C-alpha atoms as a PDB file:
ATOM      1  CA  MET A   1     161.682  49.666  22.061  1.00  0.00           C
ATOM      2  CA  ASN A   2     161.757  52.600  24.451  1.00  0.00           C
ATOM      3  CA  PHE A   3     158.556  54.399  25.420  1.00  0.00           C
ATOM      4  CA  LYS A   4     157.810  57.894  26.728  1.00  0.00           C
ATOM      5  CA  GLU A   5     155.427  57.672  29.665  1.00  0.00           C
ATOM      6  CA  PHE A   6     152.570  59.904  30.801  1.00  0.00           C
ATOM      7  CA  THR A   7     150.621  59.348  34.026  1.00  0.00           C
ATOM      8  CA  ALA A   8     146.872  59.965  33.970  1.00  0.00           C
ATOM      9  CA  SER A   9     145.520  62.241  36.700  1.00  0.00           C
ATOM     10  CA  GLN A  10     142.079  62.383  38.278  1.00  0.00           C
ATOM     11  CA  ASN A  11     141.151  64.972  35.647  1.00  0.00           C
ATOM     12  CA  ASP A  12     141.792  62.380  32.905  1.00  0.00           C
ATOM     13  CA  SER A  13     139.783  59.656  34.619  1.00  0.00           C
ATOM     14  CA  GLY A  14     136.770  58.404  32.667  1.00  0.00           C
ATOM     15  CA  LYS A  15     137.977  59.720  29.310  1.00  0.00           C
ATOM     16  CA  LYS A  16     138.669  57.392  26.411  1.00  0.00           C
ATOM     17  CA  LEU A  17     142.258  56.780  25.375  1.00  0.00           C
ATOM     18  CA  GLU A  18     141.374  58.150  21.945  1.00  0.00           C
ATOM     19  CA  LYS A  19     140.609  61.583  23.410  1.00  0.00           C
ATOM     20  CA  ILE A  20     143.804  61.664  25.481  1.00  0.00           C
ATOM     21  CA  LEU A  21     145.941  60.638  22.496  1.00  0.00           C
ATOM     22  CA  LYS A  22     144.431  63.328  20.275  1.00  0.00           C
ATOM     23  CA  ILE A  23     145.613  65.901  22.796  1.00  0.00           C
ATOM     24  CA  LEU A  24     149.107  64.395  23.000  1.00  0.00           C
ATOM     25  CA  TRP A  25     149.399  64.031  19.215  1.00  0.00           C
ATOM     26  CA  GLN A  26     148.589  67.687  18.720  1.00  0.00           C
ATOM     27  CA  LYS A  27     150.609  68.883  21.710  1.00  0.00           C
ATOM     28  CA  TYR A  28     153.811  67.175  20.553  1.00  0.00           C
ATOM     29  CA  ASP A  29     153.140  67.339  16.792  1.00  0.00           C
ATOM     30  CA  LEU A  30     153.443  63.546  16.366  1.00  0.00           C
ATOM     31  CA  GLN A  31     151.344  63.275  13.205  1.00  0.00           C
ATOM     32  CA  LYS A  32     154.342  63.774  10.911  1.00  0.00           C
ATOM     33  CA  LYS A  33     155.917  60.547  12.207  1.00  0.00           C
ATOM     34  CA  CYS A  34     152.818  58.357  12.498  1.00  0.00           C
ATOM     35  CA  GLY A  35     149.073  58.756  12.620  1.00  0.00           C
ATOM     36  CA  MET A  36     147.428  58.176  15.992  1.00  0.00           C
ATOM     37  CA  TYR A  37     145.270  55.219  14.947  1.00  0.00           C
ATOM     38  CA  SER A  38     148.146  53.678  13.016  1.00  0.00           C
ATOM     39  CA  ALA A  39     150.332  53.951  16.132  1.00  0.00           C
ATOM     40  CA  ILE A  40     147.711  52.089  18.171  1.00  0.00           C
ATOM     41  CA  LYS A  41     147.506  49.275  15.601  1.00  0.00           C
ATOM     42  CA  LYS A  42     151.298  48.960  15.458  1.00  0.00           C
ATOM     43  CA  ASP A  43     151.539  48.711  19.274  1.00  0.00           C
ATOM     44  CA  LEU A  44     153.394  51.995  19.460  1.00  0.00           C
ATOM     45  CA  VAL A  45     150.951  53.011  22.186  1.00  0.00           C
ATOM     46  CA  LYS A  46     150.490  50.980  25.378  1.00  0.00           C
ATOM     47  CA  ILE A  47     148.521  51.243  28.578  1.00  0.00           C
ATOM     48  CA  ASN A  48     150.350  49.999  31.678  1.00  0.00           C
ATOM     49  CA  ASN A  49     152.794  48.079  29.422  1.00  0.00           C
ATOM     50  CA  SER A  50     149.951  46.270  27.665  1.00  0.00           C
ATOM     51  CA  LYS A  51     148.383  46.516  24.199  1.00  0.00           C
ATOM     52  CA  SER A  52     145.806  49.267  24.007  1.00  0.00           C
ATOM     53  CA  LYS A  53     142.553  50.063  22.210  1.00  0.00           C
ATOM     54  CA  GLU A  54     141.281  53.516  21.383  1.00  0.00           C
ATOM     55  CA  ASN A  55     138.056  53.019  23.380  1.00  0.00           C
ATOM     56  CA  TYR A  56     139.868  52.064  26.584  1.00  0.00           C
ATOM     57  CA  GLN A  57     138.540  54.157  29.488  1.00  0.00           C
ATOM     58  CA  ILE A  58     141.349  55.888  31.357  1.00  0.00           C
ATOM     59  CA  CYS A  59     141.696  55.503  35.115  1.00  0.00           C
ATOM     60  CA  CYS A  60     143.628  57.795  37.447  1.00  0.00           C
ATOM     61  CA  GLY A  61     147.211  56.514  37.693  1.00  0.00           C
ATOM     62  CA  ASP A  62     147.210  54.719  34.333  1.00  0.00           C
ATOM     63  CA  LYS A  63     150.539  54.825  32.517  1.00  0.00           C
ATOM     64  CA  ILE A  64     150.111  55.921  28.904  1.00  0.00           C
ATOM     65  CA  GLN A  65     153.187  54.899  26.931  1.00  0.00           C
ATOM     66  CA  ILE A  66     154.082  56.154  23.456  1.00  0.00           C
ATOM     67  CA  ALA A  67     157.046  54.939  21.431  1.00  0.00           C
ATOM     68  CA  GLU A  68     159.939  57.293  22.060  1.00  0.00           C
ATOM     69  CA  PHE A  69     161.098  57.461  18.435  1.00  0.00           C
ATOM     70  CA  LEU A  70     157.885  59.340  17.556  1.00  0.00           C
ATOM     71  CA  PHE A  71     159.249  62.248  19.555  1.00  0.00           C
ATOM     72  CA  ASP A  72     162.151  64.226  18.151  1.00  0.00           C
ATOM     73  CA  ASP A  73     163.798  67.581  18.677  1.00  0.00           C
ATOM     74  CA  ASN A  74     161.008  69.278  16.784  1.00  0.00           C
ATOM     75  CA  SER A  75     158.269  67.678  18.918  1.00  0.00           C
ATOM     76  CA  LYS A  76     158.050  70.479  21.408  1.00  0.00           C
ATOM     77  CA  VAL A  77     155.070  71.627  23.345  1.00  0.00           C
ATOM     78  CA  LYS A  78     153.669  74.805  21.889  1.00  0.00           C
ATOM     79  CA  ASN A  79     154.204  76.907  24.987  1.00  0.00           C
ATOM     80  CA  LYS A  80     152.282  80.055  25.650  1.00  0.00           C
ATOM     81  CA  LYS A  81     154.087  83.184  26.755  1.00  0.00           C
ATOM     82  CA  SER A  82     155.853  82.879  30.071  1.00  0.00           C
ATOM     83  CA  PRO A  83     154.597  84.951  33.016  1.00  0.00           C
ATOM     84  CA  GLU A  84     157.628  87.214  32.538  1.00  0.00           C
ATOM     85  CA  ASP A  85     156.322  88.170  29.071  1.00  0.00           C
ATOM     86  CA  MET A  86     152.848  89.050  30.248  1.00  0.00           C
ATOM     87  CA  GLU A  87     151.702  92.594  29.675  1.00  0.00           C
ATOM     88  CA  PHE A  88     149.537  92.390  32.768  1.00  0.00           C
ATOM     89  CA  ARG A  89     149.452  90.368  35.972  1.00  0.00           C
ATOM     90  CA  LEU A  90     146.529  88.210  37.064  1.00  0.00           C
ATOM     91  CA  GLU A  91     145.491  89.241  40.564  1.00  0.00           C
ATOM     92  CA  THR A  92     144.392  86.134  42.470  1.00  0.00           C
ATOM     93  CA  VAL A  93     141.410  86.666  44.760  1.00  0.00           C
ATOM     94  CA  PHE A  94     140.816  82.987  45.649  1.00  0.00           C
ATOM     95  CA  LYS A  95     142.422  79.698  44.682  1.00  0.00           C
ATOM     96  CA  ASN A  96     142.121  76.046  45.644  1.00  0.00           C
ATOM     97  CA  GLN A  97     142.470  72.736  43.792  1.00  0.00           C
ATOM     98  CA  HIS A  98     139.135  73.209  41.990  1.00  0.00           C
ATOM     99  CA  LEU A  99     138.707  76.919  41.296  1.00  0.00           C
ATOM    100  CA  LEU A 100     140.702  80.081  40.689  1.00  0.00           C
ATOM    101  CA  ILE A 101     139.030  83.477  40.941  1.00  0.00           C
ATOM    102  CA  ILE A 102     140.915  86.481  39.589  1.00  0.00           C
ATOM    103  CA  ASN A 103     140.272  90.199  39.424  1.00  0.00           C
ATOM    104  CA  LYS A 104     140.165  90.643  35.643  1.00  0.00           C
ATOM    105  CA  PRO A 105     141.864  93.835  34.520  1.00  0.00           C
ATOM    106  CA  TYR A 106     140.320  96.414  32.218  1.00  0.00           C
ATOM    107  CA  GLY A 107     140.846  96.176  28.461  1.00  0.00           C
ATOM    108  CA  ILE A 108     141.408  92.455  27.981  1.00  0.00           C
ATOM    109  CA  ASN A 109     139.109  89.736  26.649  1.00  0.00           C
ATOM    110  CA  CYS A 110     138.445  86.481  28.469  1.00  0.00           C
ATOM    111  CA  GLN A 111     138.900  84.577  25.198  1.00  0.00           C
ATOM    112  CA  LYS A 112     140.922  85.569  22.135  1.00  0.00           C
ATOM    113  CA  SER A 113     138.784  87.383  19.565  1.00  0.00           C
ATOM    114  CA  THR A 114     141.511  87.950  16.951  1.00  0.00           C
ATOM    115  CA  LYS A 115     144.887  86.318  16.326  1.00  0.00           C
ATOM    116  CA  THR A 116     146.754  89.287  17.735  1.00  0.00           C
ATOM    117  CA  ASP A 117     144.473  89.724  20.745  1.00  0.00           C
ATOM    118  CA  LEU A 118     145.640  89.296  24.292  1.00  0.00           C
ATOM    119  CA  SER A 119     143.230  87.225  26.363  1.00  0.00           C
ATOM    120  CA  ILE A 120     143.033  85.774  29.845  1.00  0.00           C
ATOM    121  CA  ALA A 121     142.939  82.264  28.349  1.00  0.00           C
ATOM    122  CA  ASP A 122     146.279  82.828  26.608  1.00  0.00           C
ATOM    123  CA  TYR A 123     148.098  83.138  29.903  1.00  0.00           C
ATOM    124  CA  LEU A 124     146.592  80.257  31.855  1.00  0.00           C
ATOM    125  CA  ILE A 125     149.372  77.728  32.327  1.00  0.00           C
ATOM    126  CA  GLN A 126     148.609  74.019  32.084  1.00  0.00           C
ATOM    127  CA  PRO A 127     150.006  72.189  35.143  1.00  0.00           C
ATOM    128  CA  PRO A 128     153.032  70.102  34.072  1.00  0.00           C
ATOM    129  CA  ASP A 129     151.559  66.867  35.470  1.00  0.00           C
ATOM    130  CA  GLU A 130     148.269  67.210  33.547  1.00  0.00           C
ATOM    131  CA  ILE A 131     147.613  65.611  30.150  1.00  0.00           C
ATOM    132  CA  SER A 132     144.135  66.643  29.056  1.00  0.00           C
ATOM    133  CA  PHE A 133     143.029  69.248  31.585  1.00  0.00           C
ATOM    134  CA  LYS A 134     143.580  72.935  30.854  1.00  0.00           C
ATOM    135  CA  PRO A 135     142.478  75.797  33.106  1.00  0.00           C
ATOM    136  CA  ALA A 136     139.909  77.978  31.344  1.00  0.00           C
ATOM    137  CA  PRO A 137     137.472  80.828  32.118  1.00  0.00           C
ATOM    138  CA  LEU A 138     134.076  79.423  33.135  1.00  0.00           C
ATOM    139  CA  HIS A 139     132.093  82.521  32.173  1.00  0.00           C
ATOM    140  CA  ARG A 140     132.740  85.801  30.423  1.00  0.00           C
ATOM    141  CA  LEU A 141     133.222  89.420  31.306  1.00  0.00           C
ATOM    142  CA  ASP A 142     133.279  92.037  28.568  1.00  0.00           C
ATOM    143  CA  LYS A 143     136.693  93.312  27.519  1.00  0.00           C
ATOM    144  CA  ASN A 144     136.205  96.580  29.392  1.00  0.00           C
ATOM    145  CA  THR A 145     134.438  95.109  32.420  1.00  0.00           C
ATOM    146  CA  THR A 146     136.685  94.430  35.401  1.00  0.00           C
ATOM    147  CA  GLY A 147     136.247  92.159  38.387  1.00  0.00           C
ATOM    148  CA  LEU A 148     135.689  88.611  39.525  1.00  0.00           C
ATOM    149  CA  LEU A 149     136.233  85.904  36.928  1.00  0.00           C
ATOM    150  CA  CYS A 150     136.050  82.152  37.683  1.00  0.00           C
ATOM    151  CA  ILE A 151     138.684  79.889  36.132  1.00  0.00           C
ATOM    152  CA  SER A 152     138.675  76.093  36.350  1.00  0.00           C
ATOM    153  CA  GLN A 153     141.428  74.282  38.224  1.00  0.00           C
ATOM    154  CA  SER A 154     140.035  70.749  37.921  1.00  0.00           C
ATOM    155  CA  SER A 155     137.482  68.871  35.839  1.00  0.00           C
ATOM    156  CA  LYS A 156     135.263  68.551  38.905  1.00  0.00           C
ATOM    157  CA  GLY A 157     135.480  72.271  39.572  1.00  0.00           C
ATOM    158  CA  ALA A 158     134.737  73.097  35.937  1.00  0.00           C
ATOM    159  CA  GLN A 159     131.704  70.808  35.817  1.00  0.00           C
ATOM    160  CA  THR A 160     130.271  71.963  39.151  1.00  0.00           C
ATOM    161  CA  VAL A 161     130.666  75.709  38.631  1.00  0.00           C
ATOM    162  CA  SER A 162     129.406  75.461  35.043  1.00  0.00           C
ATOM    163  CA  GLU A 163     126.241  73.739  36.335  1.00  0.00           C
ATOM    164  CA  TRP A 164     125.780  76.473  38.945  1.00  0.00           C
ATOM    165  CA  ILE A 165     126.073  79.121  36.244  1.00  0.00           C
ATOM    166  CA  LYS A 166     123.680  77.278  33.932  1.00  0.00           C
ATOM    167  CA  ASN A 167     121.088  76.946  36.715  1.00  0.00           C
ATOM    168  CA  HIS A 168     121.551  80.554  37.939  1.00  0.00           C
ATOM    169  CA  GLN A 169     122.777  79.352  41.345  1.00  0.00           C
ATOM    170  CA  ILE A 170     125.576  81.915  41.566  1.00  0.00           C
ATOM    171  CA  LYS A 171     124.446  85.388  42.572  1.00  0.00           C
ATOM    172  CA  LYS A 172     126.437  88.047  40.694  1.00  0.00           C
ATOM    173  CA  THR A 173     126.706  91.653  41.839  1.00  0.00           C
ATOM    174  CA  TYR A 174     128.173  94.456  39.720  1.00  0.00           C
ATOM    175  CA  ILE A 175     128.938  98.096  40.460  1.00  0.00           C
ATOM    176  CA  GLY A 176     128.626 100.563  37.593  1.00  0.00           C
ATOM    177  CA  ILE A 177     128.268 104.252  36.806  1.00  0.00           C
ATOM    178  CA  VAL A 178     125.247 105.296  34.754  1.00  0.00           C
ATOM    179  CA  GLN A 179     124.285 108.551  33.126  1.00  0.00           C
ATOM    180  CA  GLY A 180     121.345 110.306  34.740  1.00  0.00           C
ATOM    181  CA  LYS A 181     119.939 110.190  38.255  1.00  0.00           C
ATOM    182  CA  LEU A 182     118.452 106.810  39.123  1.00  0.00           C
ATOM    183  CA  GLU A 183     116.047 107.856  41.870  1.00  0.00           C
ATOM    184  CA  SER A 184     115.205 104.506  43.471  1.00  0.00           C
ATOM    185  CA  LEU A 185     115.604 100.737  43.295  1.00  0.00           C
ATOM    186  CA  GLN A 186     114.332  99.398  39.980  1.00  0.00           C
ATOM    187  CA  THR A 187     113.697  95.903  38.652  1.00  0.00           C
ATOM    188  CA  TRP A 188     114.193  95.533  34.911  1.00  0.00           C
ATOM    189  CA  GLU A 189     112.672  92.626  33.026  1.00  0.00           C
ATOM    190  CA  ASN A 190     113.243  92.548  29.290  1.00  0.00           C
ATOM    191  CA  LYS A 191     113.832  90.268  26.341  1.00  0.00           C
ATOM    192  CA  ILE A 192     117.283  90.334  24.743  1.00  0.00           C
ATOM    193  CA  ILE A 193     118.100  89.293  21.191  1.00  0.00           C
ATOM    194  CA  ASN A 194     121.629  88.481  20.098  1.00  0.00           C
ATOM    195  CA  PRO A 195     121.600  89.329  16.348  1.00  0.00           C
ATOM    196  CA  VAL A 196     124.785  87.369  15.653  1.00  0.00           C
ATOM    197  CA  GLN A 197     124.743  83.844  17.017  1.00  0.00           C
ATOM    198  CA  ASP A 198     127.735  82.572  18.969  1.00  0.00           C
ATOM    199  CA  GLY A 199     130.301  80.951  16.706  1.00  0.00           C
ATOM    200  CA  VAL A 200     129.290  82.927  13.607  1.00  0.00           C
ATOM    201  CA  SER A 201     131.412  85.979  14.323  1.00  0.00           C
ATOM    202  CA  LYS A 202     133.938  86.891  16.979  1.00  0.00           C
ATOM    203  CA  GLU A 203     133.783  90.578  16.122  1.00  0.00           C
ATOM    204  CA  PHE A 204     132.154  92.933  18.614  1.00  0.00           C
ATOM    205  CA  HIS A 205     128.446  93.408  18.153  1.00  0.00           C
ATOM    206  CA  THR A 206     125.648  94.794  20.267  1.00  0.00           C
ATOM    207  CA  VAL A 207     122.517  93.014  21.425  1.00  0.00           C
ATOM    208  CA  LYS A 208     118.977  94.315  21.175  1.00  0.00           C
ATOM    209  CA  CYS A 209     116.886  94.927  24.300  1.00  0.00           C
ATOM    210  CA  LEU A 210     113.097  94.647  23.919  1.00  0.00           C
ATOM    211  CA  PRO A 211     110.030  95.004  26.189  1.00  0.00           C
ATOM    212  CA  LYS A 212     109.380  92.022  28.468  1.00  0.00           C
ATOM    213  CA  ASN A 213     106.220  91.020  26.562  1.00  0.00           C
ATOM    214  CA  SER A 214     108.067  90.730  23.254  1.00  0.00           C
ATOM    215  CA  PRO A 215     107.581  87.325  21.572  1.00  0.00           C
ATOM    216  CA  GLU A 216     111.239  87.345  20.587  1.00  0.00           C
ATOM    217  CA  GLY A 217     114.417  87.006  22.620  1.00  0.00           C
ATOM    218  CA  LYS A 218     115.386  85.569  25.997  1.00  0.00           C
ATOM    219  CA  THR A 219     114.340  86.952  29.362  1.00  0.00           C
ATOM    220  CA  ALA A 220     116.808  89.207  31.166  1.00  0.00           C
ATOM    221  CA  LEU A 221     116.136  90.187  34.783  1.00  0.00           C
ATOM    222  CA  THR A 222     118.213  92.804  36.606  1.00  0.00           C
ATOM    223  CA  THR A 223     117.770  94.895  39.746  1.00  0.00           C
ATOM    224  CA  ALA A 224     119.456  98.312  39.864  1.00  0.00           C
ATOM    225  CA  LYS A 225     120.007 100.046  43.218  1.00  0.00           C
ATOM    226  CA  PRO A 226     121.369 103.626  43.410  1.00  0.00           C
ATOM    227  CA  LEU A 227     124.269 104.089  45.832  1.00  0.00           C
ATOM    228  CA  LYS A 228     125.678 107.584  45.225  1.00  0.00           C
ATOM    229  CA  TYR A 229     124.975 110.636  43.091  1.00  0.00           C
ATOM    230  CA  GLY A 230     127.529 112.787  41.327  1.00  0.00           C
ATOM    231  CA  THR A 231     128.223 114.733  38.156  1.00  0.00           C
ATOM    232  CA  PHE A 232     130.331 114.494  35.018  1.00  0.00           C
ATOM    233  CA  ASN A 233     130.645 117.562  32.788  1.00  0.00           C
ATOM    234  CA  ASN A 234     127.783 119.125  34.764  1.00  0.00           C
ATOM    235  CA  ALA A 235     125.498 116.174  33.975  1.00  0.00           C
ATOM    236  CA  PRO A 236     124.152 113.853  36.699  1.00  0.00           C
ATOM    237  CA  VAL A 237     125.598 110.355  37.127  1.00  0.00           C
ATOM    238  CA  THR A 238     124.708 107.563  39.558  1.00  0.00           C
ATOM    239  CA  LEU A 239     126.799 104.852  41.157  1.00  0.00           C
ATOM    240  CA  VAL A 240     124.612 101.763  40.869  1.00  0.00           C
ATOM    241  CA  GLU A 241     124.644  98.246  42.318  1.00  0.00           C
ATOM    242  CA  PHE A 242     123.386  95.740  39.751  1.00  0.00           C
ATOM    243  CA  ASN A 243     122.198  92.238  40.609  1.00  0.00           C
ATOM    244  CA  ILE A 244     121.682  90.050  37.554  1.00  0.00           C
ATOM    245  CA  HIS A 245     119.304  87.115  37.887  1.00  0.00           C
ATOM    246  CA  THR A 246     119.948  85.861  34.353  1.00  0.00           C
ATOM    247  CA  GLY A 247     123.157  85.771  32.352  1.00  0.00           C
ATOM    248  CA  ARG A 248     122.629  87.344  28.935  1.00  0.00           C
ATOM    249  CA  LYS A 249     125.272  88.885  26.716  1.00  0.00           C
ATOM    250  CA  HIS A 250     125.657  92.615  27.491  1.00  0.00           C
ATOM    251  CA  GLN A 251     122.725  92.319  29.906  1.00  0.00           C
ATOM    252  CA  ILE A 252     123.562  95.275  32.145  1.00  0.00           C
ATOM    253  CA  ARG A 253     124.778  97.452  29.285  1.00  0.00           C
ATOM    254  CA  SER A 254     121.730  96.921  27.072  1.00  0.00           C
ATOM    255  CA  GLN A 255     119.111  97.081  29.838  1.00  0.00           C
ATOM    256  CA  SER A 256     120.607 100.219  31.383  1.00  0.00           C
ATOM    257  CA  SER A 257     120.420 101.940  28.015  1.00  0.00           C
ATOM    258  CA  PHE A 258     116.882 100.686  27.293  1.00  0.00           C
ATOM    259  CA  HIS A 259     115.629 102.121  30.598  1.00  0.00           C
ATOM    260  CA  GLY A 260     117.284 105.499  30.029  1.00  0.00           C
ATOM    261  CA  TYR A 261     120.442 105.073  32.104  1.00  0.00           C
ATOM    262  CA  PRO A 262     123.276 104.001  29.792  1.00  0.00           C
ATOM    263  CA  LEU A 263     126.625 103.274  31.378  1.00  0.00           C
ATOM    264  CA  LEU A 264     128.776 106.390  31.465  1.00  0.00           C
ATOM    265  CA  GLY A 265     130.873 106.393  28.285  1.00  0.00           C
ATOM    266  CA  ASP A 266     129.305 103.284  26.748  1.00  0.00           C
ATOM    267  CA  LYS A 267     128.939 104.670  23.220  1.00  0.00           C
ATOM    268  CA  ALA A 268     127.848 101.262  21.868  1.00  0.00           C
ATOM    269  CA  TYR A 269     124.693 101.613  23.982  1.00  0.00           C
ATOM    270  CA  LYS A 270     123.931 105.348  23.614  1.00  0.00           C
ATOM    271  CA  GLY A 271     126.292 106.622  26.297  1.00  0.00           C
ATOM    272  CA  PHE A 272     128.147 109.846  25.570  1.00  0.00           C
ATOM    273  CA  SER A 273     131.908 109.865  25.069  1.00  0.00           C
ATOM    274  CA  VAL A 274     133.871 110.616  28.243  1.00  0.00           C
ATOM    275  CA  SER A 275     137.433 110.857  26.833  1.00  0.00           C
ATOM    276  CA  LEU A 276     138.814 109.133  29.928  1.00  0.00           C
ATOM    277  CA  LYS A 277     141.084 106.129  30.475  1.00  0.00           C
ATOM    278  CA  LYS A 278     138.041 103.838  30.490  1.00  0.00           C
ATOM    279  CA  GLU A 279     135.290 103.610  27.899  1.00  0.00           C
ATOM    280  CA  PHE A 280     132.762 102.711  30.579  1.00  0.00           C
ATOM    281  CA  PHE A 281     132.735 101.829  34.258  1.00  0.00           C
ATOM    282  CA  LEU A 282     131.483  98.386  35.291  1.00  0.00           C
ATOM    283  CA  CYS A 283     132.978  95.986  37.832  1.00  0.00           C
ATOM    284  CA  ALA A 284     131.867  92.479  38.886  1.00  0.00           C
ATOM    285  CA  ASN A 285     132.626  92.919  42.578  1.00  0.00           C
ATOM    286  CA  LYS A 286     130.794  90.083  44.367  1.00  0.00           C
ATOM    287  CA  LEU A 287     129.957  86.406  43.779  1.00  0.00           C
ATOM    288  CA  GLU A 288     127.765  84.324  46.097  1.00  0.00           C
ATOM    289  CA  PHE A 289     127.998  80.538  45.759  1.00  0.00           C
ATOM    290  CA  PRO A 290     125.657  77.745  46.895  1.00  0.00           C
ATOM    291  CA  PRO A 291     126.692  75.339  49.682  1.00  0.00           C
ATOM    292  CA  ASN A 292     129.342  73.018  48.299  1.00  0.00           C
ATOM    293  CA  GLN A 293     131.942  70.331  49.012  1.00  0.00           C
ATOM    294  CA  LEU A 294     134.654  72.005  46.919  1.00  0.00           C
ATOM    295  CA  GLY A 295     135.928  74.356  49.606  1.00  0.00           C
ATOM    296  CA  ILE A 296     134.615  77.433  47.783  1.00  0.00           C
ATOM    297  CA  PRO A 297     133.477  80.192  50.195  1.00  0.00           C
ATOM    298  CA  ARG A 298     129.828  81.178  50.154  1.00  0.00           C
ATOM    299  CA  GLU A 299     130.763  84.766  49.272  1.00  0.00           C
ATOM    300  CA  ILE A 300     133.762  86.374  47.588  1.00  0.00           C
ATOM    301  CA  SER A 301     134.045  90.117  46.979  1.00  0.00           C
ATOM    302  CA  ILE A 302     136.544  92.790  46.013  1.00  0.00           C
ATOM    303  CA  PRO A 303     136.564  96.552  46.620  1.00  0.00           C
ATOM    304  CA  VAL A 304     135.080  98.830  43.984  1.00  0.00           C
ATOM    305  CA  PRO A 305     137.923 100.343  41.894  1.00  0.00           C
ATOM    306  CA  GLU A 306     139.052 103.686  43.327  1.00  0.00           C
ATOM    307  CA  ASP A 307     138.571 105.584  40.063  1.00  0.00           C
ATOM    308  CA  PHE A 308     134.827 104.861  40.228  1.00  0.00           C
ATOM    309  CA  PHE A 309     134.591 107.357  43.110  1.00  0.00           C
ATOM    310  CA  ASP A 310     136.222 110.226  41.207  1.00  0.00           C
ATOM    311  CA  PHE A 311     132.753 111.369  40.141  1.00  0.00           C
ATOM    312  CA  PHE A 312     131.254 111.321  43.648  1.00  0.00           C
ATOM    313  CA  LYS A 313     133.567 113.535  45.722  1.00  0.00           C
END
C-alpha cells in the first residue's frame, strides 16, 4: 500500500496525532473516503512507518503517513485567494521566523465578520511545509483603524506575544484626531462594558464607557497628549497621541467620546460626520516590546499617515 507523507515541523511538536489528523482530514476532505478514527484502526495512518495511536505526541521530524488511496482528484486544499487576487497589499514593517508586523490598511477587518467580508486573516498564506500552524493576527484593530498589527509566524511567537498582550507588556501608541481643543495631557480611567459578549454576534456594536468608580465593567486606562491644533469646518480639532495601558474593545473611541473629545467623524461615538474618505482618523503607529530572545526589536514605529496633517496646515 502506498502512503502520502507529511513531515512534522517544530510548530507541530508536542501536539497529539489526533489534532494533526483532524487538520489534514478537513484540509484534504478525506472524510468521504474514511473516517479519521476508522483509518487509524485500519492502519491507514502510520507514524514513521509504524502503527499509530491517536494520542501519540508528535515530535519535530516525525513522518505522518496516510494511505494514498484516501486522496483523489477532489481532495484538494481549499486555497485562499492568491496574492494576485488581493484587493490590497499587506505592507510589511517587520518580519522574522516568529513574528510578522504589517501596516494594516484602512477599511478592512482583522478577522472576517461576514461571509463576503475581506479580512487580513483571509490573505495570510500557510507555509507549504507546515501541517497545523497557520499565521493569524494576534490582536485586533478596528476596521477603520490603520497601523501596526502583529501576526504570528510560529507557535512560539504566537504564544509569547499573546502572553505579552495578556499581561500588558507591550506598550501601544496611537495617533488620532479628536474634535475640540484638548488643552493638556490627560489621563483617563474608566470602566467599559461590552453589551454583546464575544462570540454572540459578529455585527458591529458599540461599548459603553462609565465613570471609574462604577461597579460594572472592566478598567480602561488611557493617556491623551495633544500634539497639534487645527480646524475642520471652522471647528477646532486636535492631533492627539494616545497611550493605552489596557486593551479594551473600542477603548480610545469610547473614552475620547466620554471625556468630550470624540474622534473626528466617529459617528458611532458622537462624532460629527466629516464626508471624507475616512470615517475617523486613528493609527496604531508604535509598539514597544519587552526584552526577548525572539529577535523582535524593542521598538517598532511607522510614520503618521500624511492625510492626518491636512487639518493642521
